[in-house]
Structure formats: C-alpha cells, structure tokens
Amino acid sequence: MPIRVNLDVMLARRKMRAKQLAAQIGLSETQLSMLRTEKVRGIRFDTLAKICLVLDCKPADILDYDIDPADLHIADED
C-alpha cells in the first residue's frame, strides 16, 4: 500500500504513549494499534483531526505517500 502511517514517530517525538493518545481522542487501544500497524483501509477525518490536535502536528506528519503508478489502474477498476 503506498500510504504509510508514521504515527509511532510522532508519538516518540511528543514522548507520548499510544495508550494516552487513544484515551485523549476517544479511540480504543485496539483501533489505534491497527492504525499504527497499517491494518486499516481508511481513517475518518475527524479522527485524524483529533490526532493532529493532541500531537500538535499536521496530517502530513503522520501519513506518507509512496508514489505507485499502479494506483491509477486500481482506481479505474472501481
């Protein structure tokens, strides 16, 4: 998947545990863990906004994109 989640990096920079972040944004530790390990297919914008607010960052600090021309072909099939 060309989208990478760098949430662990931001947590380390802010010296915060995932458990603390989950509690502050109202997400279960399991759901946050699945996001951190890229086992989800999407994220709600309101959840992303809460994460950014608590970690004082921007979405680009958490999400990264690896260019993959095959993405265009996948979108055409839908």
N, C-alpha and C. Protein backbone atom coordinates (compact mmCIF):
# COMPACT_ATOMS: atom_id res chain seq x y z
N MET A 1 0.85 -1.18 0.00
CA MET A 1 0.00 0.00 0.00
C MET A 1 0.89 1.24 0.00
N PRO A 2 0.62 2.18 -0.85
CA PRO A 2 1.51 3.34 -0.96
C PRO A 2 1.36 4.36 0.17
N ILE A 3 0.32 4.26 0.99
CA ILE A 3 0.16 5.17 2.12
C ILE A 3 0.79 4.52 3.36
N ARG A 4 1.71 5.25 3.98
CA ARG A 4 2.36 4.75 5.20
C ARG A 4 1.94 5.60 6.39
N VAL A 5 1.77 4.97 7.53
CA VAL A 5 1.37 5.65 8.76
C VAL A 5 2.60 5.77 9.65
N ASN A 6 2.97 7.00 9.96
CA ASN A 6 4.15 7.27 10.79
C ASN A 6 3.75 7.74 12.19
N LEU A 7 2.68 7.21 12.69
CA LEU A 7 2.16 7.65 13.98
C LEU A 7 3.14 7.36 15.11
N ASP A 8 3.84 6.25 15.06
CA ASP A 8 4.81 5.92 16.11
C ASP A 8 5.92 6.97 16.20
N VAL A 9 6.32 7.50 15.05
CA VAL A 9 7.35 8.54 15.03
C VAL A 9 6.87 9.78 15.78
N MET A 10 5.63 10.20 15.49
CA MET A 10 5.09 11.39 16.16
C MET A 10 4.88 11.14 17.65
N LEU A 11 4.45 9.96 18.01
CA LEU A 11 4.29 9.63 19.43
C LEU A 11 5.64 9.73 20.14
N ALA A 12 6.68 9.22 19.53
CA ALA A 12 8.02 9.28 20.13
C ALA A 12 8.50 10.72 20.26
N ARG A 13 8.26 11.52 19.23
CA ARG A 13 8.68 12.93 19.27
C ARG A 13 7.97 13.69 20.39
N ARG A 14 6.74 13.33 20.65
CA ARG A 14 5.95 14.01 21.68
C ARG A 14 6.07 13.33 23.04
N LYS A 15 6.87 12.26 23.07
CA LYS A 15 7.06 11.49 24.32
C LYS A 15 5.72 11.08 24.92
N MET A 16 4.89 10.52 24.06
CA MET A 16 3.56 10.10 24.47
C MET A 16 3.37 8.63 24.14
N ARG A 17 2.66 7.94 24.98
CA ARG A 17 2.33 6.53 24.72
C ARG A 17 1.04 6.45 23.92
N ALA A 18 0.92 5.40 23.14
CA ALA A 18 -0.28 5.18 22.33
C ALA A 18 -1.52 5.11 23.21
N LYS A 19 -1.37 4.52 24.38
CA LYS A 19 -2.49 4.39 25.31
C LYS A 19 -3.02 5.77 25.71
N GLN A 20 -2.11 6.72 25.94
CA GLN A 20 -2.51 8.08 26.30
C GLN A 20 -3.24 8.75 25.14
N LEU A 21 -2.71 8.59 23.94
CA LEU A 21 -3.34 9.19 22.77
C LEU A 21 -4.73 8.61 22.56
N ALA A 22 -4.86 7.31 22.66
CA ALA A 22 -6.16 6.65 22.46
C ALA A 22 -7.18 7.20 23.44
N ALA A 23 -6.79 7.37 24.70
CA ALA A 23 -7.71 7.89 25.71
C ALA A 23 -8.12 9.33 25.41
N GLN A 24 -7.18 10.14 24.96
CA GLN A 24 -7.47 11.55 24.70
C GLN A 24 -8.36 11.77 23.48
N ILE A 25 -8.27 10.88 22.49
CA ILE A 25 -9.08 11.08 21.28
C ILE A 25 -10.33 10.20 21.25
N GLY A 26 -10.51 9.38 22.28
CA GLY A 26 -11.70 8.56 22.36
C GLY A 26 -11.70 7.37 21.41
N LEU A 27 -10.55 6.79 21.20
CA LEU A 27 -10.40 5.63 20.34
C LEU A 27 -9.90 4.47 21.19
N SER A 28 -10.33 3.27 20.87
CA SER A 28 -9.85 2.12 21.65
C SER A 28 -8.37 1.89 21.32
N GLU A 29 -7.67 1.29 22.27
CA GLU A 29 -6.26 0.97 22.04
C GLU A 29 -6.10 0.01 20.87
N THR A 30 -7.07 -0.88 20.71
CA THR A 30 -7.03 -1.83 19.60
C THR A 30 -7.14 -1.11 18.26
N GLN A 31 -8.08 -0.18 18.16
CA GLN A 31 -8.24 0.57 16.92
C GLN A 31 -7.01 1.39 16.60
N LEU A 32 -6.44 2.04 17.62
CA LEU A 32 -5.24 2.83 17.40
C LEU A 32 -4.08 1.93 16.99
N SER A 33 -3.96 0.77 17.59
CA SER A 33 -2.91 -0.18 17.23
C SER A 33 -3.05 -0.61 15.77
N MET A 34 -4.27 -0.86 15.34
CA MET A 34 -4.49 -1.25 13.95
C MET A 34 -4.09 -0.13 12.99
N LEU A 35 -4.34 1.11 13.38
CA LEU A 35 -3.93 2.25 12.56
C LEU A 35 -2.40 2.34 12.52
N ARG A 36 -1.78 2.20 13.67
CA ARG A 36 -0.32 2.30 13.76
C ARG A 36 0.38 1.23 12.93
N THR A 37 -0.22 0.05 12.83
CA THR A 37 0.39 -1.06 12.09
C THR A 37 -0.14 -1.18 10.67
N GLU A 38 -0.87 -0.16 10.23
CA GLU A 38 -1.39 -0.06 8.86
C GLU A 38 -2.31 -1.22 8.49
N LYS A 39 -3.11 -1.67 9.45
CA LYS A 39 -4.05 -2.76 9.20
C LYS A 39 -5.46 -2.23 8.95
N VAL A 40 -5.59 -0.95 8.68
CA VAL A 40 -6.89 -0.35 8.38
C VAL A 40 -6.89 0.11 6.93
N ARG A 41 -8.07 0.22 6.37
CA ARG A 41 -8.18 0.66 4.98
C ARG A 41 -8.47 2.15 4.87
N GLY A 42 -8.75 2.78 6.00
CA GLY A 42 -9.04 4.20 5.98
C GLY A 42 -9.08 4.78 7.37
N ILE A 43 -9.21 6.10 7.43
CA ILE A 43 -9.31 6.80 8.69
C ILE A 43 -10.29 7.95 8.50
N ARG A 44 -11.12 8.17 9.47
CA ARG A 44 -12.08 9.27 9.41
C ARG A 44 -11.34 10.58 9.61
N PHE A 45 -11.77 11.62 8.89
CA PHE A 45 -11.12 12.91 9.02
C PHE A 45 -11.22 13.46 10.44
N ASP A 46 -12.33 13.21 11.12
CA ASP A 46 -12.45 13.73 12.48
C ASP A 46 -11.46 13.03 13.42
N THR A 47 -11.20 11.75 13.19
CA THR A 47 -10.20 11.04 13.99
C THR A 47 -8.81 11.58 13.70
N LEU A 48 -8.51 11.81 12.43
CA LEU A 48 -7.23 12.38 12.04
C LEU A 48 -7.04 13.77 12.65
N ALA A 49 -8.11 14.57 12.64
CA ALA A 49 -8.05 15.91 13.22
C ALA A 49 -7.75 15.85 14.72
N LYS A 50 -8.38 14.92 15.42
CA LYS A 50 -8.13 14.77 16.86
C LYS A 50 -6.69 14.37 17.13
N ILE A 51 -6.18 13.44 16.34
CA ILE A 51 -4.79 13.01 16.50
C ILE A 51 -3.85 14.20 16.29
N CYS A 52 -4.11 14.97 15.24
CA CYS A 52 -3.26 16.12 14.95
C CYS A 52 -3.34 17.17 16.05
N LEU A 53 -4.53 17.37 16.60
CA LEU A 53 -4.69 18.35 17.68
C LEU A 53 -3.88 17.93 18.91
N VAL A 54 -4.03 16.68 19.31
CA VAL A 54 -3.34 16.19 20.51
C VAL A 54 -1.83 16.17 20.31
N LEU A 55 -1.38 15.76 19.12
CA LEU A 55 0.06 15.66 18.87
C LEU A 55 0.67 16.95 18.33
N ASP A 56 -0.18 17.97 18.14
CA ASP A 56 0.27 19.26 17.62
C ASP A 56 1.08 19.07 16.34
N CYS A 57 0.41 18.47 15.36
CA CYS A 57 1.08 18.21 14.09
C CYS A 57 0.08 18.35 12.94
N LYS A 58 0.53 18.10 11.75
CA LYS A 58 -0.31 18.12 10.55
C LYS A 58 -0.46 16.70 10.02
N PRO A 59 -1.51 16.44 9.23
CA PRO A 59 -1.69 15.08 8.68
C PRO A 59 -0.45 14.56 7.96
N ALA A 60 0.28 15.45 7.29
CA ALA A 60 1.48 15.02 6.56
C ALA A 60 2.58 14.53 7.49
N ASP A 61 2.51 14.89 8.77
CA ASP A 61 3.48 14.40 9.74
C ASP A 61 3.19 12.95 10.13
N ILE A 62 1.96 12.52 9.89
CA ILE A 62 1.51 11.19 10.28
C ILE A 62 1.40 10.25 9.09
N LEU A 63 0.96 10.79 7.96
CA LEU A 63 0.75 9.98 6.76
C LEU A 63 1.78 10.33 5.70
N ASP A 64 2.28 9.31 5.02
CA ASP A 64 3.24 9.50 3.95
C ASP A 64 2.76 8.71 2.74
N TYR A 65 3.16 9.15 1.57
CA TYR A 65 2.72 8.50 0.33
C TYR A 65 3.92 8.09 -0.50
N ASP A 66 3.96 6.83 -0.87
CA ASP A 66 4.96 6.32 -1.80
C ASP A 66 4.33 6.26 -3.18
N ILE A 67 4.92 6.95 -4.12
CA ILE A 67 4.36 7.00 -5.47
C ILE A 67 4.30 5.61 -6.08
N ASP A 68 3.13 5.27 -6.60
CA ASP A 68 2.91 3.98 -7.24
C ASP A 68 1.97 4.19 -8.42
N PRO A 69 2.48 4.19 -9.65
CA PRO A 69 1.65 4.40 -10.83
C PRO A 69 0.51 3.39 -10.94
N ALA A 70 0.65 2.25 -10.33
CA ALA A 70 -0.41 1.23 -10.37
C ALA A 70 -1.69 1.71 -9.69
N ASP A 71 -1.59 2.72 -8.82
CA ASP A 71 -2.77 3.26 -8.15
C ASP A 71 -3.80 3.77 -9.15
N LEU A 72 -3.36 4.30 -10.26
CA LEU A 72 -4.30 4.80 -11.28
C LEU A 72 -5.11 3.66 -11.88
N HIS A 73 -4.49 2.54 -12.07
CA HIS A 73 -5.18 1.39 -12.65
C HIS A 73 -6.18 0.79 -11.67
N ILE A 74 -5.85 0.80 -10.41
CA ILE A 74 -6.77 0.30 -9.39
C ILE A 74 -8.00 1.17 -9.35
N ALA A 75 -7.83 2.49 -9.41
CA ALA A 75 -8.96 3.42 -9.36
C ALA A 75 -9.86 3.24 -10.57
N ASP A 76 -9.30 2.92 -11.71
CA ASP A 76 -10.11 2.74 -12.93
C ASP A 76 -11.00 1.52 -12.84
N GLU A 77 -10.61 0.51 -12.08
CA GLU A 77 -11.38 -0.71 -11.97
C GLU A 77 -12.60 -0.58 -11.09
N ASP A 78 -12.62 0.41 -10.18
CA ASP A 78 -13.74 0.58 -9.26
C ASP A 78 -14.96 1.11 -9.91
